[in-house]
Amino acid sequence: MSRRPLHRILAGSLAGAALTLALAGVASCFSERSTTAASIDGNCVAPASAAGATLVFVKQFAYVPAEVHVKAGGRVVWVNCEADGTPHTATADDASFDSGVLSPPDAFIRAFPDAGSIPYHCDLHPFMKATIIVE
């Protein structure tokens, strides 16, 4: 039977507790408007409160994926993951939603109650385009 020294057990427990507290802090500040998303080891991730939402990452001047399908009532969360700090928006072509300016690693979440196809773009970079299909 292998035994780990007490100092390694305590260090692992403290690291886990710190990560839990950091993620809880991110979740507590998330709202329907933009807010800061968690970024761990340089990887951009959605806020904990976006669980169950469809994720769209904004990186390298593109929405990834560029087309998402959600059920009516489903939520989409956009997370700006630009490594160089470039801000973006997620703005519906029909003006039904607008994230406002999202600087990395900000996030924006929106529910889509009605079926339909909703094209959107970045107001700051109009060549960036994508579509949400609500089924």
C-alpha atoms as a PDB file:
ATOM      1  CA  MET A   1       0.000   0.000   0.000  1.00  0.00           C
ATOM      2  CA  SER A   2       1.407   3.372  -1.077  1.00  0.00           C
ATOM      3  CA  ARG A   3       1.188   6.315   1.309  1.00  0.00           C
ATOM      4  CA  ARG A   4       1.446   9.938   0.322  1.00  0.00           C
ATOM      5  CA  PRO A   5       3.219  12.314   2.699  1.00  0.00           C
ATOM      6  CA  LEU A   6       0.877  14.564   4.678  1.00  0.00           C
ATOM      7  CA  HIS A   7       2.251  17.766   3.072  1.00  0.00           C
ATOM      8  CA  ARG A   8       1.291  16.469  -0.421  1.00  0.00           C
ATOM      9  CA  ILE A   9      -2.223  15.554   0.700  1.00  0.00           C
ATOM     10  CA  LEU A  10      -2.704  19.002   2.245  1.00  0.00           C
ATOM     11  CA  ALA A  11      -1.297  20.773  -0.833  1.00  0.00           C
ATOM     12  CA  GLY A  12      -3.690  18.877  -3.111  1.00  0.00           C
ATOM     13  CA  SER A  13      -6.638  19.666  -0.860  1.00  0.00           C
ATOM     14  CA  LEU A  14      -5.755  23.356  -0.697  1.00  0.00           C
ATOM     15  CA  ALA A  15      -5.383  23.599  -4.489  1.00  0.00           C
ATOM     16  CA  GLY A  16      -8.794  21.971  -4.968  1.00  0.00           C
ATOM     17  CA  ALA A  17     -10.391  24.319  -2.449  1.00  0.00           C
ATOM     18  CA  ALA A  18      -8.840  27.361  -4.134  1.00  0.00           C
ATOM     19  CA  LEU A  19     -10.158  26.292  -7.549  1.00  0.00           C
ATOM     20  CA  THR A  20     -13.632  25.681  -6.103  1.00  0.00           C
ATOM     21  CA  LEU A  21     -13.666  29.154  -4.516  1.00  0.00           C
ATOM     22  CA  ALA A  22     -12.454  30.797  -7.732  1.00  0.00           C
ATOM     23  CA  LEU A  23     -15.175  29.134  -9.819  1.00  0.00           C
ATOM     24  CA  ALA A  24     -17.829  29.976  -7.219  1.00  0.00           C
ATOM     25  CA  GLY A  25     -16.770  33.621  -7.360  1.00  0.00           C
ATOM     26  CA  VAL A  26     -17.140  33.618 -11.136  1.00  0.00           C
ATOM     27  CA  ALA A  27     -20.570  32.004 -10.935  1.00  0.00           C
ATOM     28  CA  SER A  28     -21.789  34.516  -8.381  1.00  0.00           C
ATOM     29  CA  CYS A  29     -21.088  37.505 -10.643  1.00  0.00           C
ATOM     30  CA  PHE A  30     -22.610  36.122 -13.849  1.00  0.00           C
ATOM     31  CA  SER A  31     -25.698  37.850 -15.227  1.00  0.00           C
ATOM     32  CA  GLU A  32     -27.621  38.182 -18.469  1.00  0.00           C
ATOM     33  CA  ARG A  33     -25.252  41.004 -19.468  1.00  0.00           C
ATOM     34  CA  SER A  34     -21.557  40.559 -19.965  1.00  0.00           C
ATOM     35  CA  THR A  35     -19.355  39.478 -17.106  1.00  0.00           C
ATOM     36  CA  THR A  36     -15.976  37.879 -16.602  1.00  0.00           C
ATOM     37  CA  ALA A  37     -15.590  34.200 -17.457  1.00  0.00           C
ATOM     38  CA  ALA A  38     -13.112  31.865 -15.811  1.00  0.00           C
ATOM     39  CA  SER A  39      -9.774  31.408 -17.527  1.00  0.00           C
ATOM     40  CA  ILE A  40      -7.694  28.504 -16.300  1.00  0.00           C
ATOM     41  CA  ASP A  41      -4.179  27.876 -17.652  1.00  0.00           C
ATOM     42  CA  GLY A  42      -4.866  30.218 -20.570  1.00  0.00           C
ATOM     43  CA  ASN A  43      -7.868  28.191 -21.730  1.00  0.00           C
ATOM     44  CA  CYS A  44     -11.009  30.255 -22.035  1.00  0.00           C
ATOM     45  CA  VAL A  45     -14.021  28.579 -20.453  1.00  0.00           C
ATOM     46  CA  ALA A  46     -17.639  29.505 -19.835  1.00  0.00           C
ATOM     47  CA  PRO A  47     -18.824  30.686 -16.424  1.00  0.00           C
ATOM     48  CA  ALA A  48     -20.167  27.969 -14.146  1.00  0.00           C
ATOM     49  CA  SER A  49     -23.655  29.507 -14.255  1.00  0.00           C
ATOM     50  CA  ALA A  50     -23.811  28.808 -18.003  1.00  0.00           C
ATOM     51  CA  ALA A  51     -24.172  25.065 -17.364  1.00  0.00           C
ATOM     52  CA  GLY A  52     -26.459  23.505 -19.949  1.00  0.00           C
ATOM     53  CA  ALA A  53     -26.076  26.403 -22.399  1.00  0.00           C
ATOM     54  CA  THR A  54     -24.717  26.048 -25.916  1.00  0.00           C
ATOM     55  CA  LEU A  55     -21.231  27.558 -26.049  1.00  0.00           C
ATOM     56  CA  VAL A  56     -19.893  29.879 -28.739  1.00  0.00           C
ATOM     57  CA  PHE A  57     -16.253  30.860 -28.380  1.00  0.00           C
ATOM     58  CA  VAL A  58     -15.079  34.069 -30.041  1.00  0.00           C
ATOM     59  CA  LYS A  59     -11.509  33.568 -31.151  1.00  0.00           C
ATOM     60  CA  GLN A  60      -9.288  34.494 -34.064  1.00  0.00           C
ATOM     61  CA  PHE A  61     -11.989  36.894 -35.314  1.00  0.00           C
ATOM     62  CA  ALA A  62     -14.597  34.138 -35.670  1.00  0.00           C
ATOM     63  CA  TYR A  63     -17.552  32.648 -33.792  1.00  0.00           C
ATOM     64  CA  VAL A  64     -16.819  28.981 -33.093  1.00  0.00           C
ATOM     65  CA  PRO A  65     -19.021  27.257 -34.092  1.00  0.00           C
ATOM     66  CA  ALA A  66     -20.487  29.632 -36.681  1.00  0.00           C
ATOM     67  CA  GLU A  67     -23.861  27.868 -36.593  1.00  0.00           C
ATOM     68  CA  VAL A  68     -25.502  26.503 -33.473  1.00  0.00           C
ATOM     69  CA  HIS A  69     -28.806  24.698 -32.986  1.00  0.00           C
ATOM     70  CA  VAL A  70     -30.768  25.089 -29.752  1.00  0.00           C
ATOM     71  CA  LYS A  71     -34.219  24.015 -28.680  1.00  0.00           C
ATOM     72  CA  ALA A  72     -36.788  26.744 -28.015  1.00  0.00           C
ATOM     73  CA  GLY A  73     -36.065  28.055 -24.527  1.00  0.00           C
ATOM     74  CA  GLY A  74     -32.404  27.078 -24.813  1.00  0.00           C
ATOM     75  CA  ARG A  75     -29.552  29.391 -23.900  1.00  0.00           C
ATOM     76  CA  VAL A  76     -26.422  30.391 -25.774  1.00  0.00           C
ATOM     77  CA  VAL A  77     -23.330  31.762 -24.082  1.00  0.00           C
ATOM     78  CA  TRP A  78     -20.638  33.643 -25.969  1.00  0.00           C
ATOM     79  CA  VAL A  79     -17.153  33.840 -24.439  1.00  0.00           C
ATOM     80  CA  ASN A  80     -14.513  36.162 -25.875  1.00  0.00           C
ATOM     81  CA  CYS A  81     -11.329  34.091 -25.997  1.00  0.00           C
ATOM     82  CA  GLU A  82      -9.124  36.425 -28.026  1.00  0.00           C
ATOM     83  CA  ALA A  83      -5.580  35.986 -26.717  1.00  0.00           C
ATOM     84  CA  ASP A  84      -4.546  39.469 -27.851  1.00  0.00           C
ATOM     85  CA  GLY A  85      -7.347  41.260 -25.953  1.00  0.00           C
ATOM     86  CA  THR A  86      -9.463  42.174 -29.000  1.00  0.00           C
ATOM     87  CA  PRO A  87     -13.036  43.153 -28.023  1.00  0.00           C
ATOM     88  CA  HIS A  88     -16.088  41.854 -29.923  1.00  0.00           C
ATOM     89  CA  THR A  89     -19.877  41.912 -29.795  1.00  0.00           C
ATOM     90  CA  ALA A  90     -22.606  39.383 -30.540  1.00  0.00           C
ATOM     91  CA  THR A  91     -25.340  41.481 -32.157  1.00  0.00           C
ATOM     92  CA  ALA A  92     -28.459  40.105 -33.860  1.00  0.00           C
ATOM     93  CA  ASP A  93     -28.961  41.359 -37.404  1.00  0.00           C
ATOM     94  CA  ASP A  94     -32.606  42.078 -36.451  1.00  0.00           C
ATOM     95  CA  ALA A  95     -31.492  43.904 -33.253  1.00  0.00           C
ATOM     96  CA  SER A  96     -33.269  41.349 -31.013  1.00  0.00           C
ATOM     97  CA  PHE A  97     -30.158  41.037 -28.838  1.00  0.00           C
ATOM     98  CA  ASP A  98     -26.821  42.763 -28.354  1.00  0.00           C
ATOM     99  CA  SER A  99     -24.079  41.675 -25.993  1.00  0.00           C
ATOM    100  CA  GLY A 100     -22.436  45.065 -25.857  1.00  0.00           C
ATOM    101  CA  VAL A 101     -18.648  45.107 -26.082  1.00  0.00           C
ATOM    102  CA  LEU A 102     -17.064  41.939 -24.695  1.00  0.00           C
ATOM    103  CA  SER A 103     -13.382  42.181 -23.816  1.00  0.00           C
ATOM    104  CA  PRO A 104     -11.550  38.905 -23.088  1.00  0.00           C
ATOM    105  CA  PRO A 105     -12.536  36.897 -21.104  1.00  0.00           C
ATOM    106  CA  ASP A 106     -16.031  38.455 -20.845  1.00  0.00           C
ATOM    107  CA  ALA A 107     -19.125  36.371 -21.550  1.00  0.00           C
ATOM    108  CA  PHE A 108     -22.739  37.030 -22.548  1.00  0.00           C
ATOM    109  CA  ILE A 109     -25.701  34.694 -22.181  1.00  0.00           C
ATOM    110  CA  ARG A 110     -29.108  34.836 -23.855  1.00  0.00           C
ATOM    111  CA  ALA A 111     -32.171  32.564 -23.895  1.00  0.00           C
ATOM    112  CA  PHE A 112     -34.035  31.977 -27.162  1.00  0.00           C
ATOM    113  CA  PRO A 113     -37.731  31.227 -26.505  1.00  0.00           C
ATOM    114  CA  ASP A 114     -39.040  31.149 -30.091  1.00  0.00           C
ATOM    115  CA  ALA A 115     -38.197  28.961 -33.084  1.00  0.00           C
ATOM    116  CA  GLY A 116     -36.445  30.598 -35.996  1.00  0.00           C
ATOM    117  CA  SER A 117     -33.113  31.450 -37.553  1.00  0.00           C
ATOM    118  CA  ILE A 118     -31.233  34.407 -36.090  1.00  0.00           C
ATOM    119  CA  PRO A 119     -28.192  35.669 -37.969  1.00  0.00           C
ATOM    120  CA  TYR A 120     -25.804  37.801 -35.925  1.00  0.00           C
ATOM    121  CA  HIS A 121     -22.516  39.652 -36.330  1.00  0.00           C
ATOM    122  CA  CYS A 122     -19.852  41.640 -34.495  1.00  0.00           C
ATOM    123  CA  ASP A 123     -20.549  45.390 -34.578  1.00  0.00           C
ATOM    124  CA  LEU A 124     -16.808  46.080 -34.314  1.00  0.00           C
ATOM    125  CA  HIS A 125     -15.838  43.608 -37.063  1.00  0.00           C
ATOM    126  CA  PRO A 126     -18.822  43.295 -39.463  1.00  0.00           C
ATOM    127  CA  PHE A 127     -17.153  40.504 -41.457  1.00  0.00           C
ATOM    128  CA  MET A 128     -17.674  38.224 -38.434  1.00  0.00           C
ATOM    129  CA  LYS A 129     -21.015  36.470 -38.971  1.00  0.00           C
ATOM    130  CA  ALA A 130     -22.813  33.471 -37.522  1.00  0.00           C
ATOM    131  CA  THR A 131     -26.308  32.032 -37.028  1.00  0.00           C
ATOM    132  CA  ILE A 132     -28.413  30.616 -34.207  1.00  0.00           C
ATOM    133  CA  ILE A 133     -31.097  28.165 -35.279  1.00  0.00           C
ATOM    134  CA  VAL A 134     -33.827  27.729 -32.671  1.00  0.00           C
ATOM    135  CA  GLU A 135     -35.882  24.575 -33.145  1.00  0.00           C
END
